[in-house]
Structure formats: C-alpha cells, structure tokens
Amino acid sequence: MDAGAAVKMLEGKVLDAVNASGLHPVVVRLVLLNIVHAVEDKERELAAAAEKEVSDG
C-alpha cells in the first residue's frame, strides 16, 4: 500500500470514529491537535536521528 492510500484510509477511519463518538467538537479538535503535535514531534525526532547518522557516518 502506498502512503497516499494509507493516509486516505486513516482519514476515513478517523472521520468514522469522530462521527460515531458523539463527542463535543471542541474535544475532537483538542484530540486531533494532540495527534498532530505527536506526529510533528516524531518527525522532528526522526529527522534529528537521520541528521546525526549522516554526520556520524
């Protein structure tokens, strides 16, 4: 599966879960914001590790 298809599948699952949750929209936004921050943190961590590997290598 390519990345585009995986992202589309994840988006569909997230939308289904949000619609089925019955949570207040503010709660949903906060949860999604936390997910986005976690992904950004992981991307920075991976980029730093790759940069360190290149500089050490």
Protein backbone atom coordinates (compact mmCIF):
# COMPACT_ATOMS: atom_id res chain seq x y z
CA MET A 1 0.00 0.00 0.00
CA ASP A 2 1.39 3.41 -0.90
CA ALA A 3 1.44 6.34 1.52
CA GLY A 4 -1.41 8.17 -0.22
CA ALA A 5 -3.74 5.21 0.11
CA ALA A 6 -2.73 4.71 3.74
CA VAL A 7 -3.45 8.37 4.54
CA LYS A 8 -6.86 8.19 2.84
CA MET A 9 -7.73 5.04 4.78
CA LEU A 10 -6.63 6.66 8.06
CA GLU A 11 -8.65 9.79 7.29
CA GLY A 12 -11.74 7.67 6.67
CA LYS A 13 -11.28 5.77 9.91
CA VAL A 14 -10.73 8.97 11.89
CA LEU A 15 -13.85 10.57 10.40
CA ASP A 16 -15.91 7.47 11.14
CA ALA A 17 -14.64 7.40 14.73
CA VAL A 18 -15.34 11.11 15.25
CA ASN A 19 -18.84 10.84 13.81
CA ALA A 20 -19.63 7.80 15.95
CA SER A 21 -18.13 9.23 19.14
CA GLY A 22 -20.78 11.83 19.91
CA LEU A 23 -18.07 13.99 21.49
CA HIS A 24 -18.31 17.76 21.57
CA PRO A 25 -16.47 19.34 18.61
CA VAL A 26 -14.04 21.14 20.96
CA VAL A 27 -12.98 17.81 22.46
CA VAL A 28 -12.48 16.34 19.00
CA ARG A 29 -10.35 19.33 17.98
CA LEU A 30 -8.19 19.00 21.08
CA VAL A 31 -7.64 15.30 20.48
CA LEU A 32 -6.76 15.88 16.83
CA LEU A 33 -4.41 18.71 17.80
CA ASN A 34 -2.64 16.39 20.24
CA ILE A 35 -2.28 13.78 17.50
CA VAL A 36 -0.83 16.37 15.10
CA HIS A 37 1.67 17.51 17.73
CA ALA A 38 2.70 13.92 18.44
CA VAL A 39 3.28 13.29 14.74
CA GLU A 40 5.29 16.51 14.40
CA ASP A 41 7.40 15.57 17.42
CA LYS A 42 8.10 12.13 15.94
CA GLU A 43 9.02 13.67 12.57
CA ARG A 44 11.50 16.01 14.29
CA GLU A 45 12.94 13.09 16.25
CA LEU A 46 13.40 11.01 13.11
CA ALA A 47 14.92 13.94 11.22
CA ALA A 48 17.39 14.59 14.04
CA ALA A 49 18.35 10.91 14.15
CA ALA A 50 18.87 10.85 10.40
CA GLU A 51 20.94 14.03 10.52
CA LYS A 52 23.07 12.62 13.34
CA GLU A 53 23.57 9.40 11.37
CA VAL A 54 24.73 11.36 8.34
CA SER A 55 27.10 13.50 10.37
CA ASP A 56 28.50 10.46 12.21
CA GLY A 57 28.65 8.34 9.13
